[in-house]
Amino acid sequence: MKNRIYILSFSLVLLAIGLVSCEDEVVIYNPDSSFAQLESASASVAEDGDTASITVTSSAAGTVNFTVSSEAGSDRYSITPANGVLEFTEGDASQEIVVTPIDNLDNDGNVEITIELVEGGSLSIGTGGEGLFKKSATVLIRDNDCPTVVSEKYGVRVFAFGEEAPSYTATLVPVAGTDNQFTVASAWGPTFVSWATGDSQYDNRFLYPATITINDDFTVTVVGGGAAYTGGTGTYSACDDEFSFTLTQAIFSSPFTVDVVMTGN
């Protein structure tokens, strides 16, 4: 009885092995002596950063082709080598496919780039030259820009004569029918002239009304609301919601400039 049970059990094991063998796919590798493969599966870089690299190794001298694809336009990055071909000379162990981000000022999202080794060069591709593994990688370019959301109220700091004038709160009023253009009742504050002269009778006088425009390159143009208010220039930081500009004026007999920093509340 014991022998019969043993034989039956052994037969079931063989049957089980046979069933598994029928269902599973067996992959047999016949490695080429010369092939190239990707050693980096991914990389990332900030849009205002330097570069990101994907490493390619080769078992022999020769050439390997690669393609680059992305839903974003090529104005967001450049690739080296640009011709899509890596050339390995005798003794070369590895080379780099280099992605250089192109920094812009637009809040246009991250960029995902796919780099893939393809047939066409003298070297086979992928592990063992089988073209199955280590032939594709992704590079992420992280957008560093923020959407332009201009606040209504701003805390304002004013600097002149090497000192800080009284701070104040400004209201920006959008100009109808325009984008990123605003009026402000006072560009340097209602008490700036009284502070500069030391005479309180000038409170709420000579206010420097102005129109402030955020240009496409995030520079700022300030146009004064009168001949005495000669305007100024500066920049706008969307990520900080902050204006920084320098004003000139023709109210005082002596010329001087006024630096203004407006931070959204």
Protein backbone atom coordinates (compact mmCIF):
# COMPACT_ATOMS: atom_id res chain seq x y z
CA MET A 1 0.00 0.00 0.00
CA LYS A 2 2.81 2.39 0.84
CA ASN A 3 4.51 1.82 -2.52
CA ARG A 4 1.33 2.48 -4.42
CA ILE A 5 0.69 5.75 -2.60
CA TYR A 6 4.26 6.88 -3.34
CA ILE A 7 3.98 6.10 -7.02
CA LEU A 8 0.65 7.91 -7.29
CA SER A 9 1.99 10.97 -5.50
CA PHE A 10 5.07 11.09 -7.73
CA SER A 11 2.86 10.83 -10.82
CA LEU A 12 0.75 13.79 -9.63
CA VAL A 13 3.88 15.87 -9.13
CA LEU A 14 5.00 15.12 -12.68
CA LEU A 15 1.54 15.99 -13.96
CA ALA A 16 1.61 19.29 -12.07
CA ILE A 17 5.03 20.15 -13.51
CA GLY A 18 3.76 19.31 -16.96
CA LEU A 19 0.74 21.60 -16.59
CA VAL A 20 2.88 24.51 -15.40
CA SER A 21 5.30 24.00 -18.28
CA CYS A 22 2.44 24.13 -20.80
CA GLU A 23 1.04 27.38 -19.40
CA ASP A 24 4.26 29.37 -18.79
CA GLU A 25 6.25 30.97 -21.60
CA VAL A 26 9.90 30.03 -21.55
CA VAL A 27 12.26 32.72 -22.85
CA ILE A 28 15.61 31.53 -24.13
CA TYR A 29 18.33 34.16 -24.53
CA ASN A 30 20.97 34.02 -27.19
CA PRO A 31 23.02 37.10 -26.28
CA ASP A 32 24.81 39.00 -29.01
CA SER A 33 28.45 39.74 -28.45
CA SER A 34 27.91 43.44 -29.23
CA PHE A 35 24.94 45.33 -27.83
CA ALA A 36 24.03 48.59 -26.11
CA GLN A 37 21.60 49.06 -23.24
CA LEU A 38 20.31 51.84 -20.98
CA GLU A 39 21.71 51.88 -17.47
CA SER A 40 19.46 54.75 -16.35
CA ALA A 41 15.71 54.17 -16.31
CA SER A 42 14.79 57.74 -15.36
CA ALA A 43 16.14 61.20 -14.57
CA SER A 44 14.72 64.61 -13.73
CA VAL A 45 15.76 68.25 -13.79
CA ALA A 46 14.15 71.59 -12.95
CA GLU A 47 13.26 73.82 -15.89
CA ASP A 48 15.79 76.38 -14.66
CA GLY A 49 18.35 73.67 -13.85
CA ASP A 50 21.38 72.46 -15.80
CA THR A 51 20.96 69.07 -17.48
CA ALA A 52 19.68 65.52 -16.97
CA SER A 53 21.54 62.51 -18.37
CA ILE A 54 20.61 58.98 -19.37
CA THR A 55 23.54 56.56 -19.36
CA VAL A 56 24.00 54.07 -22.21
CA THR A 57 26.55 51.24 -21.95
CA SER A 58 27.97 49.15 -24.78
CA SER A 59 29.74 45.81 -24.90
CA ALA A 60 31.69 46.71 -28.05
CA ALA A 61 32.59 49.53 -30.44
CA GLY A 62 29.84 50.60 -32.81
CA THR A 63 26.80 52.84 -33.14
CA VAL A 64 23.38 52.78 -31.51
CA ASN A 65 20.38 54.85 -32.55
CA PHE A 66 17.84 56.40 -30.21
CA THR A 67 14.58 58.31 -30.54
CA VAL A 68 13.16 61.11 -28.38
CA SER A 69 9.44 61.68 -27.97
CA SER A 70 7.29 63.98 -25.86
CA GLU A 71 3.87 65.61 -25.97
CA ALA A 72 5.62 68.94 -25.36
CA GLY A 73 7.27 70.83 -28.18
CA SER A 74 11.00 70.79 -28.75
CA ASP A 75 11.12 74.43 -27.62
CA ARG A 76 11.05 73.07 -24.05
CA TYR A 77 14.35 71.16 -24.28
CA SER A 78 17.33 70.17 -26.42
CA ILE A 79 19.04 66.77 -26.81
CA THR A 80 22.72 65.90 -27.15
CA PRO A 81 23.69 64.26 -29.44
CA ALA A 82 21.11 65.97 -31.59
CA ASN A 83 21.35 63.46 -34.46
CA GLY A 84 20.04 60.58 -32.32
CA VAL A 85 23.19 58.46 -32.70
CA LEU A 86 25.74 57.40 -30.09
CA GLU A 87 29.12 56.29 -31.39
CA PHE A 88 31.16 53.98 -29.19
CA THR A 89 34.85 53.65 -29.96
CA GLU A 90 37.08 50.83 -28.74
CA GLY A 91 37.32 51.02 -24.97
CA ASP A 92 34.20 53.15 -24.48
CA ALA A 93 32.25 51.72 -21.57
CA SER A 94 29.43 54.26 -21.50
CA GLN A 95 28.09 57.46 -22.99
CA GLU A 96 25.39 59.94 -22.04
CA ILE A 97 22.22 61.15 -23.73
CA VAL A 98 21.91 64.66 -22.31
CA VAL A 99 18.64 66.59 -21.94
CA THR A 100 18.99 70.36 -21.47
CA PRO A 101 15.81 72.15 -20.35
CA ILE A 102 14.93 75.49 -21.97
CA ASP A 103 13.73 77.88 -19.27
CA ASN A 104 10.74 80.01 -20.14
CA LEU A 105 8.44 82.29 -18.17
CA ASP A 106 5.22 80.37 -18.80
CA ASN A 107 3.31 78.26 -16.33
CA ASP A 108 3.02 75.43 -18.87
CA GLY A 109 3.46 72.33 -16.72
CA ASN A 110 6.03 69.58 -16.46
CA VAL A 111 7.54 67.87 -19.50
CA GLU A 112 7.95 64.09 -19.73
CA ILE A 113 10.36 62.86 -22.38
CA THR A 114 10.78 59.25 -23.51
CA ILE A 115 14.17 58.13 -24.80
CA GLU A 116 14.27 54.76 -26.55
CA LEU A 117 17.06 52.77 -28.15
CA VAL A 118 16.04 51.56 -31.62
CA GLU A 119 17.41 49.29 -34.30
CA GLY A 120 19.41 50.73 -37.17
CA GLY A 121 22.88 51.08 -35.71
CA SER A 122 25.63 48.49 -35.79
CA LEU A 123 24.93 47.46 -32.19
CA SER A 124 21.96 45.38 -31.09
CA ILE A 125 19.81 46.99 -28.39
CA GLY A 126 18.63 45.97 -24.95
CA THR A 127 20.03 43.43 -22.53
CA GLY A 128 21.84 40.73 -24.48
CA GLY A 129 20.82 42.46 -27.70
CA GLU A 130 17.34 40.95 -27.40
CA GLY A 131 15.56 44.33 -27.41
CA LEU A 132 13.40 43.40 -24.43
CA PHE A 133 14.89 45.19 -21.44
CA LYS A 134 16.86 48.35 -20.70
CA LYS A 135 15.99 50.07 -23.94
CA SER A 136 13.61 52.83 -22.74
CA ALA A 137 13.91 55.63 -20.17
CA THR A 138 12.01 58.75 -19.14
CA VAL A 139 13.26 62.25 -18.28
CA LEU A 140 11.06 64.67 -16.33
CA ILE A 141 11.52 68.44 -16.64
CA ARG A 142 9.84 70.14 -13.67
CA ASP A 143 8.18 73.46 -14.48
CA ASN A 144 9.44 76.22 -12.18
CA ASP A 145 6.90 78.89 -13.14
CA CYS A 146 3.73 79.92 -11.33
CA PRO A 147 0.40 81.10 -12.72
CA THR A 148 -0.09 84.86 -12.76
CA VAL A 149 -2.70 85.61 -10.11
CA VAL A 150 -2.66 89.30 -9.20
CA SER A 151 -4.15 90.20 -5.84
CA GLU A 152 -6.45 93.12 -5.20
CA LYS A 153 -4.65 94.39 -2.11
CA TYR A 154 -0.88 94.81 -1.69
CA GLY A 155 1.32 95.69 1.22
CA VAL A 156 3.75 98.33 -0.04
CA ARG A 157 7.24 99.26 1.16
CA VAL A 158 8.89 102.41 -0.15
CA PHE A 159 12.59 103.38 -0.08
CA ALA A 160 14.26 106.70 -0.89
CA PHE A 161 17.35 108.65 0.24
CA GLY A 162 18.76 105.44 1.71
CA GLU A 163 15.83 105.17 4.13
CA GLU A 164 12.45 103.47 4.31
CA ALA A 165 9.42 105.69 3.92
CA PRO A 166 6.05 104.92 5.58
CA SER A 167 4.48 101.70 4.31
CA TYR A 168 0.88 101.54 3.14
CA THR A 169 -1.72 99.30 1.49
CA ALA A 170 -2.47 99.72 -2.22
CA THR A 171 -5.46 98.55 -4.23
CA LEU A 172 -4.85 97.45 -7.82
CA VAL A 173 -7.82 98.02 -10.14
CA PRO A 174 -7.80 96.03 -13.42
CA VAL A 175 -8.02 98.15 -16.57
CA ALA A 176 -11.10 97.01 -18.50
CA GLY A 177 -10.40 95.19 -21.76
CA THR A 178 -6.72 94.58 -21.01
CA ASP A 179 -4.66 91.75 -19.60
CA ASN A 180 -2.31 92.30 -16.67
CA GLN A 181 -2.76 96.07 -16.58
CA PHE A 182 -3.87 97.88 -13.42
CA THR A 183 -4.31 101.36 -12.00
CA VAL A 184 -3.23 102.41 -8.53
CA ALA A 185 -4.27 105.61 -6.76
CA SER A 186 -0.81 106.16 -5.30
CA ALA A 187 2.38 104.45 -6.44
CA TRP A 188 4.49 105.72 -3.54
CA GLY A 189 1.88 106.16 -0.83
CA PRO A 190 -0.31 109.00 0.47
CA THR A 191 2.27 110.29 2.96
CA PHE A 192 5.43 109.98 0.88
CA VAL A 193 5.75 113.69 -0.01
CA SER A 194 5.08 114.82 3.57
CA TRP A 195 7.67 112.30 4.78
CA ALA A 196 10.22 113.42 2.18
CA THR A 197 9.74 117.14 2.99
CA GLY A 198 9.09 116.78 6.71
CA ASP A 199 5.92 118.83 6.26
CA SER A 200 2.62 117.17 7.19
CA GLN A 201 0.59 119.63 5.09
CA TYR A 202 1.48 117.42 2.11
CA ASP A 203 -0.36 114.40 3.50
CA ASN A 204 -2.58 112.91 0.77
CA ARG A 205 -1.19 115.30 -1.83
CA PHE A 206 0.97 114.52 -4.88
CA LEU A 207 -0.06 110.87 -4.68
CA TYR A 208 1.62 109.64 -7.89
CA PRO A 209 -1.36 107.94 -9.57
CA ALA A 210 -0.15 105.37 -12.07
CA THR A 211 -0.95 102.53 -14.47
CA ILE A 212 1.07 99.37 -13.90
CA THR A 213 1.52 96.84 -16.73
CA ILE A 214 2.95 93.33 -16.41
CA ASN A 215 4.64 92.59 -19.75
CA ASP A 216 4.96 89.14 -21.36
CA ASP A 217 8.52 88.77 -20.04
CA PHE A 218 7.34 89.73 -16.52
CA THR A 219 9.02 93.10 -16.65
CA VAL A 220 6.83 95.90 -15.32
CA THR A 221 6.12 99.29 -16.86
CA VAL A 222 4.76 102.10 -14.69
CA VAL A 223 3.16 105.09 -16.43
CA GLY A 224 2.47 108.06 -14.20
CA GLY A 225 -0.85 109.87 -14.32
CA GLY A 226 0.56 113.30 -15.10
CA ALA A 227 3.63 115.15 -16.36
CA ALA A 228 5.19 115.31 -12.89
CA TYR A 229 4.93 111.56 -12.47
CA THR A 230 7.49 110.31 -14.97
CA GLY A 231 6.93 106.59 -14.38
CA GLY A 232 9.32 103.73 -13.91
CA THR A 233 10.24 100.14 -14.64
CA GLY A 234 10.69 96.92 -12.71
CA THR A 235 9.73 93.26 -12.52
CA TYR A 236 6.89 91.04 -11.31
CA SER A 237 7.36 87.65 -9.60
CA ALA A 238 4.30 85.45 -10.18
CA CYS A 239 5.43 82.88 -7.60
CA ASP A 240 5.67 85.57 -4.91
CA ASP A 241 2.91 87.84 -6.30
CA GLU A 242 5.37 90.71 -5.85
CA PHE A 243 6.06 93.88 -7.84
CA SER A 244 9.46 95.59 -7.58
CA PHE A 245 9.95 98.82 -9.50
CA THR A 246 11.84 102.11 -9.43
CA LEU A 247 10.03 105.40 -9.94
CA THR A 248 11.36 108.71 -11.22
CA GLN A 249 9.61 112.04 -10.61
CA ALA A 250 9.57 115.71 -11.58
CA ILE A 251 7.80 117.09 -8.52
CA PHE A 252 10.93 117.97 -6.57
CA SER A 253 13.57 120.31 -7.97
CA SER A 254 16.29 117.76 -7.23
CA PRO A 255 16.04 114.46 -9.16
CA PHE A 256 15.96 111.23 -7.18
CA THR A 257 14.45 107.77 -7.52
CA VAL A 258 12.06 105.84 -5.31
CA ASP A 259 12.14 102.04 -4.96
CA VAL A 260 8.79 100.35 -4.39
CA VAL A 261 8.07 96.73 -3.37
CA MET A 262 4.42 95.61 -3.49
CA THR A 263 3.58 92.19 -2.03
CA GLY A 264 0.14 90.62 -2.46
CA ASN A 265 -1.91 90.14 0.68
